[in-house]
Amino acid sequence: MSDELNNPDIPIPEVLAGSIAITTLDKIYNWGRRSSIWPMMFGLACCAIEMICTAASRYDLSRFGMEVMRASPRQADLMIVSGTVTKKMIPQIVRLYNQMPEPKYVMAMGACASGGGPFKEGYNVVAGVDKFIPVDVYVPGCPPTPQALLHGLIAMQKMIDNQSILDVKWYKREATEAIPIPILGPDLIDPRDYVRSAAAEEKAAEPISTD
């Protein structure tokens, strides 16, 4: 067992030092997940070329246990949004995110996925994928270098290391609700805006107490 999994607070007799190891459930569970992250295999724009380069022999994602890029969202636990997120594409991204099983993570790779990039004011571009799905790690750059993507993936591993089974949302009793699929019409419509506006109108219509 790796030394990083051992619990140094509990001493082990020297006779048994090479035979047993004492750890915690969180440590061994998180170690298994962070060492076998499976990204989903899709790309949106020029950032995807850098992602492909990172997976090739020179930078070699397999050193981190991430070389298995899955073509199905049902077999992936990391969505790397690599490139410009257009209004035409965001409904498909949200649909893919909903199809991924928990635990799942999202990385916004590059300036476009993080905030719209140089196309932020464009009529057809979403100013950041975090407007619709939760993002765990942002990787800056236009496009980011393979080293920057590796740094983001290492940051993702560190985040997983610090998670606890008692706190994570996928072990709660409440079911995780799917994110409503955005509607693409003359413009992009987020169904959650209707709920927010209806709640605001209902609150505004409440009589004001004069007591």
Protein backbone atom coordinates (compact mmCIF):
# COMPACT_ATOMS: atom_id res chain seq x y z
CA MET A 1 0.00 0.00 0.00
CA SER A 2 1.23 3.49 -0.81
CA ASP A 3 2.76 5.51 2.02
CA GLU A 4 0.31 8.34 1.33
CA LEU A 5 -2.52 6.08 2.53
CA ASN A 6 -0.94 5.15 5.84
CA ASN A 7 -2.20 6.87 8.98
CA PRO A 8 0.91 8.16 10.82
CA ASP A 9 -1.14 8.87 13.97
CA ILE A 10 -1.47 5.16 14.75
CA PRO A 11 1.86 3.42 15.38
CA ILE A 12 2.53 -0.01 13.88
CA PRO A 13 4.87 -2.46 15.66
CA GLU A 14 8.13 -2.92 13.80
CA VAL A 15 7.49 -6.65 13.45
CA LEU A 16 4.32 -5.93 11.45
CA ALA A 17 5.51 -2.83 9.59
CA GLY A 18 5.88 -4.63 6.27
CA SER A 19 2.72 -6.70 6.60
CA ILE A 20 -0.11 -4.35 7.54
CA ALA A 21 -1.12 -0.75 6.99
CA ILE A 22 -3.64 1.37 8.86
CA THR A 23 -5.65 3.94 6.94
CA THR A 24 -9.10 5.54 6.82
CA LEU A 25 -12.05 4.78 4.56
CA ASP A 26 -11.94 8.31 3.12
CA LYS A 27 -8.25 8.02 2.24
CA ILE A 28 -8.45 4.70 0.44
CA TYR A 29 -11.75 5.61 -1.29
CA ASN A 30 -10.44 8.96 -2.52
CA TRP A 31 -7.10 7.43 -3.52
CA GLY A 32 -8.90 4.93 -5.75
CA ARG A 33 -11.04 7.63 -7.40
CA ARG A 34 -8.31 10.24 -7.90
CA SER A 35 -6.03 7.62 -9.45
CA SER A 36 -8.56 6.46 -12.04
CA ILE A 37 -10.33 9.55 -13.35
CA TRP A 38 -11.95 8.85 -16.74
CA PRO A 39 -12.48 12.02 -18.80
CA MET A 40 -15.21 12.16 -21.41
CA MET A 41 -13.89 12.20 -24.96
CA PHE A 42 -15.18 15.31 -26.69
CA GLY A 43 -13.84 18.73 -27.60
CA LEU A 44 -15.37 21.99 -28.76
CA ALA A 45 -12.62 24.13 -30.30
CA CYS A 46 -8.86 24.75 -30.33
CA CYS A 47 -8.47 23.81 -26.63
CA ALA A 48 -9.32 20.25 -27.64
CA ILE A 49 -6.10 20.07 -29.68
CA GLU A 50 -4.10 20.86 -26.53
CA MET A 51 -6.10 18.22 -24.64
CA ILE A 52 -5.25 15.65 -27.31
CA CYS A 53 -1.60 16.67 -27.09
CA THR A 54 -1.68 16.18 -23.31
CA ALA A 55 -2.92 12.62 -23.80
CA ALA A 56 -0.17 11.81 -26.32
CA SER A 57 3.23 10.33 -25.53
CA ARG A 58 5.13 13.51 -24.65
CA TYR A 59 2.93 14.53 -21.69
CA ASP A 60 1.22 11.15 -21.13
CA LEU A 61 -1.93 11.42 -19.04
CA SER A 62 -1.58 7.74 -18.18
CA ARG A 63 0.95 8.72 -15.51
CA PHE A 64 -2.05 9.97 -13.52
CA GLY A 65 -4.41 7.10 -14.36
CA MET A 66 -6.45 9.28 -16.74
CA GLU A 67 -5.60 7.79 -20.11
CA VAL A 68 -8.99 6.10 -20.59
CA MET A 69 -11.10 8.75 -22.33
CA ARG A 70 -14.60 7.38 -22.60
CA ALA A 71 -16.90 7.97 -25.57
CA SER A 72 -19.98 7.43 -23.38
CA PRO A 73 -20.94 9.84 -20.57
CA ARG A 74 -22.23 6.88 -18.56
CA GLN A 75 -18.65 5.61 -18.22
CA ALA A 76 -16.99 8.97 -17.48
CA ASP A 77 -16.59 10.95 -14.28
CA LEU A 78 -14.80 14.07 -15.57
CA MET A 79 -16.13 16.45 -18.20
CA ILE A 80 -13.38 18.63 -19.68
CA VAL A 81 -15.14 21.48 -21.49
CA SER A 82 -12.37 22.36 -23.94
CA GLY A 83 -13.28 25.24 -26.19
CA THR A 84 -15.90 27.82 -27.08
CA VAL A 85 -19.36 27.05 -25.67
CA THR A 86 -21.94 28.22 -28.20
CA LYS A 87 -25.67 28.56 -27.57
CA LYS A 88 -26.25 25.76 -30.03
CA MET A 89 -23.92 23.43 -28.11
CA ILE A 90 -24.86 24.11 -24.48
CA PRO A 91 -28.07 21.99 -24.55
CA GLN A 92 -25.98 18.99 -25.62
CA ILE A 93 -23.37 19.69 -22.92
CA VAL A 94 -26.05 19.83 -20.21
CA ARG A 95 -27.62 16.62 -21.55
CA LEU A 96 -24.26 14.84 -21.42
CA TYR A 97 -23.62 16.14 -17.91
CA ASN A 98 -26.97 14.79 -16.72
CA GLN A 99 -26.12 11.37 -18.18
CA MET A 100 -22.84 11.12 -16.23
CA PRO A 101 -23.10 9.10 -13.00
CA GLU A 102 -22.09 10.49 -9.63
CA PRO A 103 -19.45 11.26 -8.52
CA LYS A 104 -18.75 13.56 -11.46
CA TYR A 105 -16.63 16.63 -11.96
CA VAL A 106 -16.35 19.44 -14.52
CA MET A 107 -13.24 21.27 -15.69
CA ALA A 108 -13.51 24.48 -17.72
CA MET A 109 -10.46 24.42 -19.98
CA GLY A 110 -9.48 27.75 -21.49
CA ALA A 111 -10.77 31.30 -21.52
CA CYS A 112 -13.82 30.50 -23.66
CA ALA A 113 -15.19 27.75 -21.43
CA SER A 114 -14.38 29.77 -18.30
CA GLY A 115 -15.91 33.11 -19.30
CA GLY A 116 -16.49 33.42 -23.03
CA GLY A 117 -12.93 34.39 -23.95
CA PRO A 118 -12.47 36.71 -26.95
CA PHE A 119 -15.99 35.83 -28.13
CA LYS A 120 -17.72 36.84 -24.89
CA GLU A 121 -19.79 39.58 -26.52
CA GLY A 122 -20.73 37.37 -29.47
CA TYR A 123 -24.41 36.81 -30.14
CA ASN A 124 -23.97 33.03 -30.27
CA VAL A 125 -21.54 32.40 -27.38
CA VAL A 126 -22.27 31.52 -23.74
CA ALA A 127 -20.15 33.60 -21.35
CA GLY A 128 -18.87 30.60 -19.40
CA VAL A 129 -20.13 27.05 -19.08
CA ASP A 130 -20.68 27.65 -15.34
CA LYS A 131 -23.83 29.57 -16.26
CA PHE A 132 -25.49 26.17 -16.72
CA ILE A 133 -23.42 23.42 -15.04
CA PRO A 134 -21.24 23.52 -11.89
CA VAL A 135 -17.49 23.83 -12.56
CA ASP A 136 -14.93 22.41 -10.12
CA VAL A 137 -11.62 23.53 -11.68
CA TYR A 138 -10.83 26.38 -14.09
CA VAL A 139 -7.75 26.17 -16.33
CA PRO A 140 -6.81 29.61 -17.72
CA GLY A 141 -5.23 30.22 -21.12
CA CYS A 142 -6.15 30.77 -24.75
CA PRO A 143 -5.56 27.96 -25.31
CA PRO A 144 -3.94 26.51 -22.17
CA THR A 145 -0.73 24.58 -22.66
CA PRO A 146 -0.58 20.85 -21.90
CA GLN A 147 1.35 21.73 -18.74
CA ALA A 148 -1.54 23.98 -17.62
CA LEU A 149 -4.04 21.19 -18.21
CA LEU A 150 -1.88 18.78 -16.21
CA HIS A 151 -1.75 21.35 -13.40
CA GLY A 152 -5.55 21.57 -13.48
CA LEU A 153 -5.86 17.78 -13.33
CA ILE A 154 -3.48 17.65 -10.36
CA ALA A 155 -5.60 20.34 -8.67
CA MET A 156 -8.63 18.13 -9.33
CA GLN A 157 -6.86 15.21 -7.65
CA LYS A 158 -6.04 17.34 -4.60
CA MET A 159 -9.67 18.40 -4.38
CA ILE A 160 -10.80 14.76 -4.44
CA ASP A 161 -8.24 13.90 -1.74
CA ASN A 162 -9.90 16.38 0.63
CA GLN A 163 -13.45 15.10 0.16
CA SER A 164 -15.25 13.09 2.83
CA ILE A 165 -17.91 10.44 2.34
CA LEU A 166 -19.94 12.14 5.09
CA ASP A 167 -20.15 15.43 3.20
CA VAL A 168 -20.31 14.63 -0.53
CA LYS A 169 -23.68 15.15 -2.21
CA TRP A 170 -23.88 11.75 -3.90
CA TYR A 171 -24.17 9.95 -0.54
CA LYS A 172 -27.02 12.11 0.72
CA ARG A 173 -30.51 10.72 1.12
CA GLU A 174 -31.92 13.33 -1.23
CA ALA A 175 -31.82 12.46 -4.93
CA THR A 176 -29.71 14.67 -7.18
CA GLU A 177 -31.97 16.54 -9.57
CA ALA A 178 -31.03 16.79 -13.23
CA ILE A 179 -30.26 20.22 -14.64
CA PRO A 180 -33.04 21.39 -17.01
CA ILE A 181 -31.96 21.30 -20.66
CA PRO A 182 -31.66 24.85 -22.07
CA ILE A 183 -34.08 25.62 -24.91
CA LEU A 184 -32.59 26.98 -28.12
CA GLY A 185 -35.03 29.22 -29.95
CA PRO A 186 -34.54 32.76 -31.26
CA ASP A 187 -32.26 32.99 -28.22
CA LEU A 188 -31.12 30.61 -25.48
CA ILE A 189 -33.69 30.09 -22.72
CA ASP A 190 -32.81 28.63 -19.33
CA PRO A 191 -35.93 26.91 -17.88
CA ARG A 192 -34.69 27.77 -14.39
CA ASP A 193 -35.26 31.46 -15.22
CA TYR A 194 -39.00 30.80 -15.37
CA VAL A 195 -38.93 29.31 -11.88
CA ARG A 196 -36.91 32.25 -10.55
CA SER A 197 -39.13 34.85 -12.20
CA ALA A 198 -42.31 33.09 -11.05
CA ALA A 199 -41.01 33.00 -7.48
CA ALA A 200 -40.08 36.70 -7.67
CA GLU A 201 -43.53 37.63 -9.02
CA GLU A 202 -45.23 35.57 -6.33
CA LYS A 203 -43.18 37.29 -3.64
CA ALA A 204 -43.92 40.71 -5.11
CA ALA A 205 -47.65 39.94 -5.13
CA GLU A 206 -47.71 39.12 -1.41
CA PRO A 207 -49.58 41.75 0.64
CA ILE A 208 -47.36 44.01 2.71
CA SER A 209 -48.08 43.78 6.41
CA THR A 210 -48.62 47.11 8.13
CA ASP A 211 -48.40 45.71 11.66
